Amino acid sequence: MRQRTRTTLTWLNGTTPVGLALAVLARTTRRRTADGLVVAGGYRLPVPRQGCFTVGAVVLTRRPPEWLLHPDRADLLGHERRHTGQYALLGPLFWPAYWLACAWSYASTGSYGCGNVFERRAGLAAGGYPEPTLRPWAAALRTSTAARRPLAAVLRRRARDSAGRGPDGEAALRGRAASSSRRRRDGTRAAR
């Protein structure tokens, strides 16, 4: 049901018609899955270079559609289905967002896909991507960001304390919640 909703949204936002036009232009053989996804096999255009990619609710592959629909490649098809969800959410804005994510990924890892947030959310391993190795500057940035996280937690705690909810107030709230849940378990009514 969820995939059907995604497919409907990609029709409404226009990305699936673009995917079908691309499939026709590339003279592919198309198969529809039970949940509305279209697998277009035999993609012949030189770009993009990937062996499999998604536009709307259309998955284009250089191999025959049966290859991708085979149960052995369920993980890869699942990866492409998750891209359909991204198209359903972003519509045509997916393209510039994806290209920016590719640029960031290449700058930080040397690969267009490994550090790409859209590929990571769709499942790197399922899409055939290795775990990324960060370039030295990106690794240093990650390390410095991780070092600042404890400081951010201290600052949040101080802000919360200054708002009148110090550690003692939180303990009192936890105690009240625990005692009201005990009263509910015992069959007595919780105090308000």
N, C-alpha and C. Protein backbone atom coordinates (compact mmCIF):
# COMPACT_ATOMS: atom_id res chain seq x y z
N MET A 1 0.82 -1.19 0.00
CA MET A 1 0.00 0.00 0.00
C MET A 1 0.87 1.26 0.00
N ARG A 2 1.94 1.22 0.79
CA ARG A 2 2.84 2.37 0.86
C ARG A 2 3.47 2.66 -0.50
N GLN A 3 3.90 1.59 -1.21
CA GLN A 3 4.51 1.79 -2.52
C GLN A 3 3.49 2.33 -3.51
N ARG A 4 2.25 1.88 -3.42
CA ARG A 4 1.19 2.40 -4.30
C ARG A 4 1.01 3.91 -4.08
N THR A 5 1.05 4.34 -2.83
CA THR A 5 0.92 5.77 -2.51
C THR A 5 2.09 6.54 -3.11
N ARG A 6 3.30 5.99 -2.95
CA ARG A 6 4.48 6.64 -3.52
C ARG A 6 4.36 6.75 -5.04
N THR A 7 3.90 5.67 -5.66
CA THR A 7 3.74 5.67 -7.11
C THR A 7 2.74 6.72 -7.55
N THR A 8 1.63 6.81 -6.84
CA THR A 8 0.60 7.81 -7.17
C THR A 8 1.17 9.22 -7.04
N LEU A 9 1.91 9.47 -5.96
CA LEU A 9 2.50 10.80 -5.77
C LEU A 9 3.50 11.14 -6.86
N THR A 10 4.27 10.15 -7.32
CA THR A 10 5.24 10.45 -8.38
C THR A 10 4.54 10.71 -9.72
N TRP A 11 3.36 10.13 -9.91
CA TRP A 11 2.56 10.46 -11.10
C TRP A 11 2.07 11.90 -11.00
N LEU A 12 1.58 12.26 -9.82
CA LEU A 12 1.03 13.59 -9.62
C LEU A 12 2.09 14.69 -9.71
N ASN A 13 3.31 14.41 -9.21
CA ASN A 13 4.34 15.45 -9.26
C ASN A 13 5.12 15.46 -10.57
N GLY A 14 4.78 14.55 -11.48
CA GLY A 14 5.35 14.57 -12.83
C GLY A 14 6.65 13.81 -13.03
N THR A 15 7.21 13.22 -12.00
CA THR A 15 8.49 12.54 -12.17
C THR A 15 8.35 11.18 -12.86
N THR A 16 7.25 10.47 -12.61
CA THR A 16 7.05 9.20 -13.30
C THR A 16 6.83 9.40 -14.80
N PRO A 17 6.04 10.37 -15.25
CA PRO A 17 5.95 10.61 -16.70
C PRO A 17 7.31 10.92 -17.34
N VAL A 18 8.17 11.63 -16.62
CA VAL A 18 9.52 11.89 -17.14
C VAL A 18 10.29 10.58 -17.25
N GLY A 19 10.18 9.72 -16.23
CA GLY A 19 10.85 8.42 -16.26
C GLY A 19 10.36 7.55 -17.40
N LEU A 20 9.04 7.56 -17.64
CA LEU A 20 8.49 6.77 -18.75
C LEU A 20 8.94 7.33 -20.10
N ALA A 21 9.00 8.66 -20.23
CA ALA A 21 9.49 9.27 -21.48
C ALA A 21 10.94 8.87 -21.72
N LEU A 22 11.73 8.86 -20.67
CA LEU A 22 13.13 8.43 -20.79
C LEU A 22 13.21 6.96 -21.19
N ALA A 23 12.34 6.13 -20.62
CA ALA A 23 12.31 4.70 -20.95
C ALA A 23 11.95 4.49 -22.41
N VAL A 24 10.99 5.26 -22.91
CA VAL A 24 10.59 5.15 -24.33
C VAL A 24 11.72 5.64 -25.23
N LEU A 25 12.33 6.77 -24.87
CA LEU A 25 13.44 7.33 -25.65
C LEU A 25 14.60 6.34 -25.73
N ALA A 26 14.86 5.63 -24.65
CA ALA A 26 15.96 4.65 -24.61
C ALA A 26 15.56 3.29 -25.18
N ARG A 27 14.33 3.18 -25.68
CA ARG A 27 13.81 1.94 -26.28
C ARG A 27 13.96 0.74 -25.34
N THR A 28 13.44 0.89 -24.15
CA THR A 28 13.53 -0.17 -23.14
C THR A 28 12.33 -1.09 -23.23
N THR A 29 12.46 -2.25 -22.61
CA THR A 29 11.36 -3.19 -22.42
C THR A 29 10.85 -2.95 -21.01
N ARG A 30 9.55 -2.74 -20.86
CA ARG A 30 9.00 -2.36 -19.57
C ARG A 30 8.13 -3.46 -18.97
N ARG A 31 8.27 -3.62 -17.64
CA ARG A 31 7.44 -4.55 -16.86
C ARG A 31 6.94 -3.80 -15.64
N ARG A 32 5.67 -3.97 -15.33
CA ARG A 32 5.09 -3.33 -14.15
C ARG A 32 5.02 -4.35 -13.02
N THR A 33 5.40 -3.91 -11.83
CA THR A 33 5.30 -4.79 -10.66
C THR A 33 3.90 -4.66 -10.08
N ALA A 34 3.57 -5.55 -9.15
CA ALA A 34 2.24 -5.55 -8.54
C ALA A 34 1.94 -4.26 -7.79
N ASP A 35 2.97 -3.59 -7.29
CA ASP A 35 2.75 -2.35 -6.54
C ASP A 35 2.89 -1.10 -7.39
N GLY A 36 2.94 -1.24 -8.71
CA GLY A 36 2.91 -0.08 -9.60
C GLY A 36 4.26 0.42 -10.07
N LEU A 37 5.34 -0.15 -9.58
CA LEU A 37 6.67 0.24 -10.03
C LEU A 37 6.89 -0.27 -11.45
N VAL A 38 7.52 0.53 -12.31
CA VAL A 38 7.82 0.11 -13.68
C VAL A 38 9.32 -0.17 -13.76
N VAL A 39 9.67 -1.36 -14.20
CA VAL A 39 11.07 -1.72 -14.42
C VAL A 39 11.30 -1.69 -15.92
N ALA A 40 12.19 -0.79 -16.35
CA ALA A 40 12.49 -0.61 -17.77
C ALA A 40 13.89 -1.15 -18.03
N GLY A 41 13.98 -2.25 -18.75
CA GLY A 41 15.26 -2.90 -19.01
C GLY A 41 15.77 -2.64 -20.41
N GLY A 42 17.08 -2.79 -20.57
CA GLY A 42 17.71 -2.57 -21.86
C GLY A 42 18.00 -1.10 -22.13
N TYR A 43 18.21 -0.32 -21.09
CA TYR A 43 18.51 1.11 -21.23
C TYR A 43 19.79 1.27 -22.03
N ARG A 44 19.75 2.08 -23.10
CA ARG A 44 20.88 2.16 -24.03
C ARG A 44 21.59 3.51 -24.06
N LEU A 45 21.08 4.53 -23.41
CA LEU A 45 21.70 5.85 -23.49
C LEU A 45 23.00 5.87 -22.69
N PRO A 46 23.96 6.70 -23.09
CA PRO A 46 25.27 6.68 -22.42
C PRO A 46 25.28 7.30 -21.02
N VAL A 47 24.30 8.15 -20.72
CA VAL A 47 24.26 8.76 -19.40
C VAL A 47 22.92 8.49 -18.75
N PRO A 48 22.85 8.32 -17.47
CA PRO A 48 23.97 8.15 -16.56
C PRO A 48 24.63 6.79 -16.74
N ARG A 49 25.79 6.67 -16.17
CA ARG A 49 26.58 5.44 -16.37
C ARG A 49 26.13 4.28 -15.49
N GLN A 50 25.37 4.56 -14.45
CA GLN A 50 24.96 3.50 -13.53
C GLN A 50 24.24 2.38 -14.28
N GLY A 51 24.36 1.19 -13.76
CA GLY A 51 23.68 0.05 -14.34
C GLY A 51 22.20 0.03 -14.02
N CYS A 52 21.79 0.82 -13.00
CA CYS A 52 20.42 0.83 -12.55
C CYS A 52 20.16 2.17 -11.86
N PHE A 53 19.09 2.85 -12.23
CA PHE A 53 18.74 4.11 -11.57
C PHE A 53 17.24 4.33 -11.67
N THR A 54 16.73 5.25 -10.85
CA THR A 54 15.29 5.47 -10.75
C THR A 54 14.94 6.89 -11.14
N VAL A 55 13.82 7.05 -11.87
CA VAL A 55 13.23 8.36 -12.16
C VAL A 55 11.75 8.22 -11.86
N GLY A 56 11.29 8.89 -10.81
CA GLY A 56 9.90 8.74 -10.38
C GLY A 56 9.67 7.32 -9.89
N ALA A 57 8.69 6.64 -10.48
CA ALA A 57 8.42 5.24 -10.12
C ALA A 57 8.86 4.32 -11.26
N VAL A 58 9.87 4.76 -12.02
CA VAL A 58 10.42 3.97 -13.12
C VAL A 58 11.87 3.65 -12.78
N VAL A 59 12.19 2.36 -12.73
CA VAL A 59 13.55 1.92 -12.50
C VAL A 59 14.12 1.51 -13.84
N LEU A 60 15.18 2.19 -14.25
CA LEU A 60 15.82 1.90 -15.53
C LEU A 60 17.09 1.09 -15.30
N THR A 61 17.27 0.05 -16.08
CA THR A 61 18.46 -0.79 -15.95
C THR A 61 18.98 -1.15 -17.33
N ARG A 62 20.26 -1.35 -17.43
CA ARG A 62 20.88 -1.73 -18.71
C ARG A 62 20.61 -3.20 -19.04
N ARG A 63 20.24 -3.97 -18.05
CA ARG A 63 19.94 -5.40 -18.24
C ARG A 63 18.46 -5.59 -18.51
N PRO A 64 18.04 -6.79 -18.86
CA PRO A 64 16.60 -7.04 -19.06
C PRO A 64 15.83 -6.84 -17.75
N PRO A 65 14.55 -6.47 -17.83
CA PRO A 65 13.78 -6.24 -16.60
C PRO A 65 13.72 -7.47 -15.71
N GLU A 66 13.71 -8.66 -16.30
CA GLU A 66 13.64 -9.90 -15.51
C GLU A 66 14.86 -10.05 -14.60
N TRP A 67 15.98 -9.49 -15.02
CA TRP A 67 17.19 -9.56 -14.20
C TRP A 67 16.94 -8.86 -12.86
N LEU A 68 16.38 -7.65 -12.91
CA LEU A 68 16.14 -6.90 -11.68
C LEU A 68 14.98 -7.47 -10.88
N LEU A 69 14.03 -8.08 -11.55
CA LEU A 69 12.86 -8.64 -10.86
C LEU A 69 13.13 -10.01 -10.25
N HIS A 70 14.29 -10.59 -10.51
CA HIS A 70 14.65 -11.89 -9.95
C HIS A 70 14.76 -11.78 -8.43
N PRO A 71 14.29 -12.79 -7.69
CA PRO A 71 14.34 -12.74 -6.22
C PRO A 71 15.75 -12.53 -5.65
N ASP A 72 16.78 -12.94 -6.38
CA ASP A 72 18.15 -12.74 -5.89
C ASP A 72 18.52 -11.27 -5.80
N ARG A 73 17.81 -10.41 -6.51
CA ARG A 73 18.10 -8.98 -6.51
C ARG A 73 17.03 -8.16 -5.80
N ALA A 74 16.37 -8.79 -4.84
CA ALA A 74 15.32 -8.11 -4.08
C ALA A 74 15.87 -6.91 -3.31
N ASP A 75 17.10 -7.02 -2.81
CA ASP A 75 17.70 -5.90 -2.08
C ASP A 75 17.92 -4.70 -2.99
N LEU A 76 18.42 -4.95 -4.19
CA LEU A 76 18.64 -3.87 -5.14
C LEU A 76 17.32 -3.23 -5.56
N LEU A 77 16.31 -4.04 -5.81
CA LEU A 77 14.99 -3.50 -6.16
C LEU A 77 14.42 -2.70 -4.98
N GLY A 78 14.64 -3.17 -3.76
CA GLY A 78 14.21 -2.43 -2.57
C GLY A 78 14.91 -1.08 -2.47
N HIS A 79 16.21 -1.06 -2.80
CA HIS A 79 16.98 0.19 -2.82
C HIS A 79 16.34 1.17 -3.80
N GLU A 80 16.00 0.70 -4.98
CA GLU A 80 15.39 1.57 -5.99
C GLU A 80 13.98 2.00 -5.57
N ARG A 81 13.26 1.13 -4.88
CA ARG A 81 11.93 1.50 -4.36
C ARG A 81 12.03 2.65 -3.37
N ARG A 82 13.08 2.62 -2.55
CA ARG A 82 13.25 3.70 -1.58
C ARG A 82 13.52 5.03 -2.29
N HIS A 83 14.19 4.97 -3.45
CA HIS A 83 14.37 6.20 -4.25
C HIS A 83 13.01 6.72 -4.73
N THR A 84 12.08 5.82 -5.04
CA THR A 84 10.74 6.24 -5.44
C THR A 84 10.10 7.06 -4.33
N GLY A 85 10.30 6.64 -3.10
CA GLY A 85 9.79 7.40 -1.96
C GLY A 85 10.41 8.79 -1.88
N GLN A 86 11.69 8.90 -2.23
CA GLN A 86 12.34 10.20 -2.23
C GLN A 86 11.75 11.10 -3.32
N TYR A 87 11.47 10.51 -4.48
CA TYR A 87 10.81 11.27 -5.55
C TYR A 87 9.41 11.68 -5.13
N ALA A 88 8.70 10.81 -4.45
CA ALA A 88 7.34 11.14 -4.00
C ALA A 88 7.35 12.33 -3.06
N LEU A 89 8.36 12.41 -2.22
CA LEU A 89 8.47 13.49 -1.26
C LEU A 89 8.93 14.80 -1.90
N LEU A 90 9.94 14.73 -2.75
CA LEU A 90 10.54 15.95 -3.30
C LEU A 90 10.06 16.34 -4.69
N GLY A 91 9.51 15.38 -5.43
CA GLY A 91 9.09 15.69 -6.80
C GLY A 91 10.28 16.10 -7.64
N PRO A 92 10.11 17.05 -8.55
CA PRO A 92 11.22 17.49 -9.41
C PRO A 92 12.39 18.13 -8.65
N LEU A 93 12.15 18.54 -7.41
CA LEU A 93 13.25 19.08 -6.61
C LEU A 93 14.27 18.01 -6.25
N PHE A 94 13.88 16.74 -6.45
CA PHE A 94 14.82 15.65 -6.17
C PHE A 94 16.09 15.80 -7.01
N TRP A 95 15.94 16.21 -8.28
CA TRP A 95 17.10 16.27 -9.17
C TRP A 95 18.17 17.24 -8.68
N PRO A 96 17.86 18.53 -8.44
CA PRO A 96 18.94 19.40 -7.96
C PRO A 96 19.45 18.98 -6.58
N ALA A 97 18.55 18.48 -5.72
CA ALA A 97 19.00 18.03 -4.39
C ALA A 97 19.95 16.84 -4.53
N TYR A 98 19.63 15.92 -5.43
CA TYR A 98 20.48 14.75 -5.63
C TYR A 98 21.84 15.17 -6.19
N TRP A 99 21.85 16.11 -7.14
CA TRP A 99 23.12 16.56 -7.73
C TRP A 99 23.98 17.26 -6.69
N LEU A 100 23.36 18.05 -5.82
CA LEU A 100 24.13 18.68 -4.74
C LEU A 100 24.70 17.62 -3.80
N ALA A 101 23.89 16.61 -3.52
CA ALA A 101 24.37 15.52 -2.66
C ALA A 101 25.51 14.76 -3.33
N CYS A 102 25.46 14.60 -4.65
CA CYS A 102 26.57 13.97 -5.40
C CYS A 102 27.84 14.81 -5.29
N ALA A 103 27.69 16.13 -5.43
CA ALA A 103 28.86 17.01 -5.33
C ALA A 103 29.48 16.92 -3.94
N TRP A 104 28.64 16.95 -2.90
CA TRP A 104 29.15 16.81 -1.53
C TRP A 104 29.84 15.46 -1.34
N SER A 105 29.21 14.42 -1.85
CA SER A 105 29.77 13.08 -1.72
C SER A 105 31.14 12.99 -2.39
N TYR A 106 31.24 13.52 -3.59
CA TYR A 106 32.51 13.46 -4.31
C TYR A 106 33.58 14.27 -3.58
N ALA A 107 33.20 15.45 -3.09
CA ALA A 107 34.17 16.28 -2.38
C ALA A 107 34.65 15.61 -1.10
N SER A 108 33.76 14.93 -0.40
CA SER A 108 34.13 14.36 0.90
C SER A 108 34.65 12.93 0.84
N THR A 109 34.29 12.17 -0.23
CA THR A 109 34.71 10.76 -0.28
C THR A 109 35.42 10.37 -1.57
N GLY A 110 35.28 11.17 -2.63
CA GLY A 110 35.86 10.80 -3.92
C GLY A 110 34.93 9.92 -4.73
N SER A 111 33.71 9.71 -4.25
CA SER A 111 32.70 8.90 -4.94
C SER A 111 31.41 9.70 -4.98
N TYR A 112 30.70 9.61 -6.09
CA TYR A 112 29.44 10.36 -6.21
C TYR A 112 28.32 9.76 -5.36
N GLY A 113 28.42 8.48 -5.03
CA GLY A 113 27.32 7.84 -4.33
C GLY A 113 27.55 7.52 -2.87
N CYS A 114 28.78 7.20 -2.48
CA CYS A 114 29.04 6.68 -1.12
C CYS A 114 28.67 7.65 0.00
N GLY A 115 28.87 8.94 -0.21
CA GLY A 115 28.55 9.91 0.82
C GLY A 115 27.26 10.66 0.52
N ASN A 116 26.54 10.24 -0.51
CA ASN A 116 25.31 10.90 -0.93
C ASN A 116 24.19 10.53 0.03
N VAL A 117 23.56 11.53 0.62
CA VAL A 117 22.53 11.28 1.63
C VAL A 117 21.37 10.45 1.05
N PHE A 118 21.03 10.65 -0.21
CA PHE A 118 19.92 9.91 -0.81
C PHE A 118 20.29 8.42 -0.99
N GLU A 119 21.52 8.16 -1.38
CA GLU A 119 21.97 6.77 -1.52
C GLU A 119 22.10 6.11 -0.15
N ARG A 120 22.57 6.86 0.82
CA ARG A 120 22.70 6.31 2.17
C ARG A 120 21.33 5.95 2.73
N ARG A 121 20.34 6.81 2.53
CA ARG A 121 18.99 6.55 3.04
C ARG A 121 18.32 5.39 2.30
N ALA A 122 18.73 5.17 1.05
CA ALA A 122 18.16 4.05 0.29
C ALA A 122 18.87 2.75 0.61
N GLY A 123 20.02 2.83 1.29
CA GLY A 123 20.78 1.63 1.66
C GLY A 123 21.99 1.45 0.77
N LEU A 124 23.16 1.83 1.26
CA LEU A 124 24.38 1.75 0.45
C LEU A 124 24.66 0.34 -0.04
N ALA A 125 24.66 -0.61 0.88
CA ALA A 125 25.01 -1.99 0.51
C ALA A 125 24.00 -2.55 -0.49
N ALA A 126 22.72 -2.27 -0.29
CA ALA A 126 21.69 -2.78 -1.20
C ALA A 126 21.85 -2.19 -2.59
N GLY A 127 22.35 -0.95 -2.67
CA GLY A 127 22.57 -0.31 -3.96
C GLY A 127 23.90 -0.64 -4.59
N GLY A 128 24.70 -1.45 -3.91
CA GLY A 128 26.00 -1.85 -4.46
C GLY A 128 27.11 -0.86 -4.15
N TYR A 129 26.90 0.04 -3.20
CA TYR A 129 27.92 1.01 -2.84
C TYR A 129 28.71 0.53 -1.63
N PRO A 130 30.03 0.73 -1.64
CA PRO A 130 30.81 0.39 -0.44
C PRO A 130 30.65 1.48 0.61
N GLU A 131 30.98 1.16 1.84
CA GLU A 131 30.98 2.19 2.89
C GLU A 131 32.05 3.22 2.51
N PRO A 132 31.75 4.50 2.70
CA PRO A 132 32.68 5.53 2.26
C PRO A 132 33.92 5.64 3.13
N THR A 133 35.01 6.03 2.50
CA THR A 133 36.22 6.40 3.19
C THR A 133 36.34 7.91 3.02
N LEU A 134 36.35 8.61 4.12
CA LEU A 134 36.38 10.07 4.06
C LEU A 134 37.76 10.58 3.66
N ARG A 135 37.75 11.67 2.90
CA ARG A 135 39.01 12.36 2.59
C ARG A 135 39.52 12.97 3.88
N PRO A 136 40.82 13.24 3.96
CA PRO A 136 41.38 13.74 5.23
C PRO A 136 40.67 14.98 5.79
N TRP A 137 40.35 15.94 4.95
CA TRP A 137 39.69 17.15 5.46
C TRP A 137 38.30 16.84 6.02
N ALA A 138 37.57 15.90 5.37
CA ALA A 138 36.23 15.53 5.84
C ALA A 138 36.32 14.76 7.15
N ALA A 139 37.33 13.90 7.28
CA ALA A 139 37.52 13.15 8.52
C ALA A 139 37.86 14.10 9.67
N ALA A 140 38.69 15.11 9.39
CA ALA A 140 39.04 16.10 10.42
C ALA A 140 37.81 16.90 10.82
N LEU A 141 36.97 17.25 9.86
CA LEU A 141 35.74 17.99 10.15
C LEU A 141 34.80 17.16 11.01
N ARG A 142 34.67 15.87 10.67
CA ARG A 142 33.81 14.98 11.46
C ARG A 142 34.32 14.85 12.89
N THR A 143 35.64 14.73 13.04
CA THR A 143 36.24 14.60 14.36
C THR A 143 36.01 15.86 15.19
N SER A 144 36.19 17.03 14.57
CA SER A 144 36.00 18.28 15.32
C SER A 144 34.52 18.47 15.67
N THR A 145 33.63 18.04 14.80
CA THR A 145 32.19 18.13 15.09
C THR A 145 31.83 17.20 16.24
N ALA A 146 32.39 16.00 16.24
CA ALA A 146 32.11 15.04 17.31
C ALA A 146 32.65 15.56 18.64
N ALA A 147 33.79 16.27 18.60
CA ALA A 147 34.36 16.81 19.82
C ALA A 147 33.49 17.92 20.39
N ARG A 148 32.76 18.63 19.54
CA ARG A 148 31.90 19.73 20.00
C ARG A 148 30.57 19.23 20.54
N ARG A 149 30.17 18.03 20.23
CA ARG A 149 28.86 17.52 20.68
C ARG A 149 28.71 17.54 22.19
N PRO A 150 29.71 17.09 22.98
CA PRO A 150 29.54 17.17 24.43
C PRO A 150 29.35 18.62 24.89
N LEU A 151 30.04 19.57 24.26
CA LEU A 151 29.88 20.97 24.62
C LEU A 151 28.45 21.42 24.33
N ALA A 152 27.92 20.99 23.21
CA ALA A 152 26.54 21.35 22.87
C ALA A 152 25.56 20.78 23.89
N ALA A 153 25.82 19.57 24.37
CA ALA A 153 24.95 18.97 25.38
C ALA A 153 25.01 19.76 26.68
N VAL A 154 26.20 20.23 27.07
CA VAL A 154 26.35 21.04 28.27
C VAL A 154 25.59 22.35 28.11
N LEU A 155 25.70 22.96 26.94
CA LEU A 155 25.00 24.22 26.69
C LEU A 155 23.48 24.03 26.73
N ARG A 156 22.99 22.94 26.17
CA ARG A 156 21.55 22.66 26.22
C ARG A 156 21.09 22.47 27.66
N ARG A 157 21.89 21.74 28.44
CA ARG A 157 21.55 21.49 29.83
C ARG A 157 21.50 22.81 30.61
N ARG A 158 22.48 23.70 30.36
CA ARG A 158 22.49 24.99 31.05
C ARG A 158 21.27 25.82 30.67
N ALA A 159 20.90 25.81 29.39
CA ALA A 159 19.73 26.56 28.95
C ALA A 159 18.47 26.02 29.61
N ARG A 160 18.37 24.72 29.71
CA ARG A 160 17.22 24.09 30.34
C ARG A 160 17.19 24.44 31.83
N ASP A 161 18.35 24.41 32.49
CA ASP A 161 18.42 24.74 33.91
C ASP A 161 18.02 26.19 34.15
N SER A 162 18.44 27.07 33.27
CA SER A 162 18.11 28.49 33.45
C SER A 162 16.63 28.75 33.20
N ALA A 163 15.95 27.85 32.52
CA ALA A 163 14.52 28.00 32.27
C ALA A 163 13.70 27.50 33.46
N GLY A 164 14.35 27.12 34.55
CA GLY A 164 13.63 26.72 35.75
C GLY A 164 13.41 25.23 35.87
N ARG A 165 14.00 24.44 34.95
CA ARG A 165 13.81 22.99 35.05
C ARG A 165 15.18 22.36 35.27
N GLY A 166 15.71 22.56 36.44
CA GLY A 166 17.02 22.01 36.75
C GLY A 166 16.95 20.52 36.96
N PRO A 167 18.09 19.94 37.30
CA PRO A 167 18.15 18.49 37.51
C PRO A 167 17.18 18.02 38.59
N ASP A 168 17.00 18.84 39.68
CA ASP A 168 16.07 18.43 40.74
C ASP A 168 14.64 18.45 40.23
N GLY A 169 14.31 19.46 39.41
CA GLY A 169 12.96 19.53 38.84
C GLY A 169 12.66 18.36 37.94
N GLU A 170 13.65 17.94 37.16
CA GLU A 170 13.46 16.78 36.27
C GLU A 170 13.25 15.52 37.08
N ALA A 171 14.01 15.37 38.17
CA ALA A 171 13.86 14.17 39.01
C ALA A 171 12.47 14.16 39.63
N ALA A 172 12.00 15.36 40.05
CA ALA A 172 10.67 15.43 40.63
C ALA A 172 9.61 15.06 39.59
N LEU A 173 9.78 15.53 38.35
CA LEU A 173 8.84 15.17 37.29
C LEU A 173 8.84 13.67 37.03
N ARG A 174 10.04 13.09 36.99
CA ARG A 174 10.13 11.64 36.77
C ARG A 174 9.46 10.90 37.92
N GLY A 175 9.66 11.38 39.17
CA GLY A 175 9.05 10.74 40.32
C GLY A 175 7.53 10.81 40.27
N ARG A 176 7.00 11.98 39.88
CA ARG A 176 5.55 12.13 39.76
C ARG A 176 4.99 11.20 38.69
N ALA A 177 5.68 11.11 37.55
CA ALA A 177 5.20 10.24 36.47
C ALA A 177 5.22 8.79 36.91
N ALA A 178 6.27 8.40 37.63
CA ALA A 178 6.37 7.01 38.08
C ALA A 178 5.28 6.69 39.09
N SER A 179 5.01 7.64 40.02
CA SER A 179 3.99 7.34 41.02
C SER A 179 2.61 7.30 40.39
N SER A 180 2.35 8.15 39.37
CA SER A 180 1.02 8.09 38.74
C SER A 180 0.85 6.80 37.95
N SER A 181 1.93 6.31 37.34
CA SER A 181 1.79 5.05 36.61
C SER A 181 1.60 3.88 37.59
N ARG A 182 2.22 3.98 38.79
CA ARG A 182 2.00 2.94 39.80
C ARG A 182 0.55 2.95 40.26
N ARG A 183 -0.01 4.14 40.45
CA ARG A 183 -1.40 4.23 40.88
C ARG A 183 -2.32 3.62 39.82
N ARG A 184 -2.03 3.88 38.52
CA ARG A 184 -2.85 3.30 37.47
C ARG A 184 -2.77 1.79 37.47
N ARG A 185 -1.59 1.24 37.70
CA ARG A 185 -1.42 -0.21 37.75
C ARG A 185 -2.18 -0.80 38.93
N ASP A 186 -2.20 -0.07 40.06
CA ASP A 186 -2.89 -0.55 41.26
C ASP A 186 -4.40 -0.37 41.15
N GLY A 187 -4.87 0.32 40.13
CA GLY A 187 -6.30 0.50 39.95
C GLY A 187 -6.81 1.81 40.54
N THR A 188 -5.92 2.60 41.16
CA THR A 188 -6.38 3.89 41.66
C THR A 188 -6.20 4.93 40.58
N ARG A 189 -6.91 6.01 40.71
CA ARG A 189 -6.88 7.05 39.69
C ARG A 189 -5.65 7.93 39.89
N ALA A 190 -5.03 8.33 38.79
CA ALA A 190 -3.84 9.20 38.86
C ALA A 190 -4.27 10.59 39.29
N ALA A 191 -3.47 11.20 40.15
CA ALA A 191 -3.74 12.57 40.60
C ALA A 191 -3.43 13.55 39.48
N ARG A 192 -4.19 14.62 39.39
CA ARG A 192 -3.94 15.61 38.33
C ARG A 192 -3.40 16.87 38.93
